[in-house]
């Protein structure tokens, strides 16, 4: 669930991991984050 935060300037958050890590949990989290970013905002 993503919620806007009122009263602060724009910012960026980065998601990074070591290329040798092949955990399905990392892949799932990255996929969920990407899907959240492509959803239209209310």
Protein backbone atom coordinates (compact mmCIF):
# COMPACT_ATOMS: atom_id res chain seq x y z
CA UNK A 1 0.00 0.00 0.00
CA UNK A 2 1.40 3.38 -0.98
CA UNK A 3 0.29 6.57 0.70
CA UNK A 4 1.27 10.10 -0.28
CA UNK A 5 3.08 12.10 2.38
CA UNK A 6 1.84 15.69 2.50
CA UNK A 7 4.08 18.64 3.31
CA UNK A 8 7.46 17.33 2.15
CA UNK A 9 9.33 17.88 -1.08
CA UNK A 10 9.73 15.23 -3.76
CA UNK A 11 12.32 12.52 -3.15
CA UNK A 12 13.55 9.24 -4.61
CA UNK A 13 14.00 5.80 -3.13
CA UNK A 14 16.29 3.23 -4.73
CA UNK A 15 16.10 -0.55 -4.50
CA UNK A 16 19.36 -2.40 -5.12
CA UNK A 17 20.82 -5.83 -4.39
CA UNK A 18 23.87 -7.87 -5.30
CA UNK A 19 23.57 -9.38 -8.79
CA UNK A 20 24.53 -12.82 -7.47
CA UNK A 21 21.47 -12.92 -5.17
CA UNK A 22 18.77 -14.99 -6.86
CA UNK A 23 16.19 -15.14 -4.07
CA UNK A 24 12.56 -15.35 -5.21
CA UNK A 25 11.76 -13.01 -2.30
CA UNK A 26 13.95 -10.27 -3.80
CA UNK A 27 12.41 -10.79 -7.24
CA UNK A 28 8.89 -10.68 -5.78
CA UNK A 29 9.57 -7.52 -3.81
CA UNK A 30 11.08 -5.77 -6.83
CA UNK A 31 8.13 -6.82 -8.99
CA UNK A 32 5.61 -5.57 -6.41
CA UNK A 33 7.45 -2.25 -6.17
CA UNK A 34 7.47 -1.85 -9.96
CA UNK A 35 3.75 -2.63 -10.17
CA UNK A 36 3.01 -0.09 -7.45
CA UNK A 37 4.89 2.60 -9.37
CA UNK A 38 2.93 1.97 -12.57
CA UNK A 39 -0.51 2.17 -10.92
CA UNK A 40 -2.48 5.38 -11.45
CA UNK A 41 -2.62 7.58 -8.38
CA UNK A 42 -6.00 8.60 -6.97
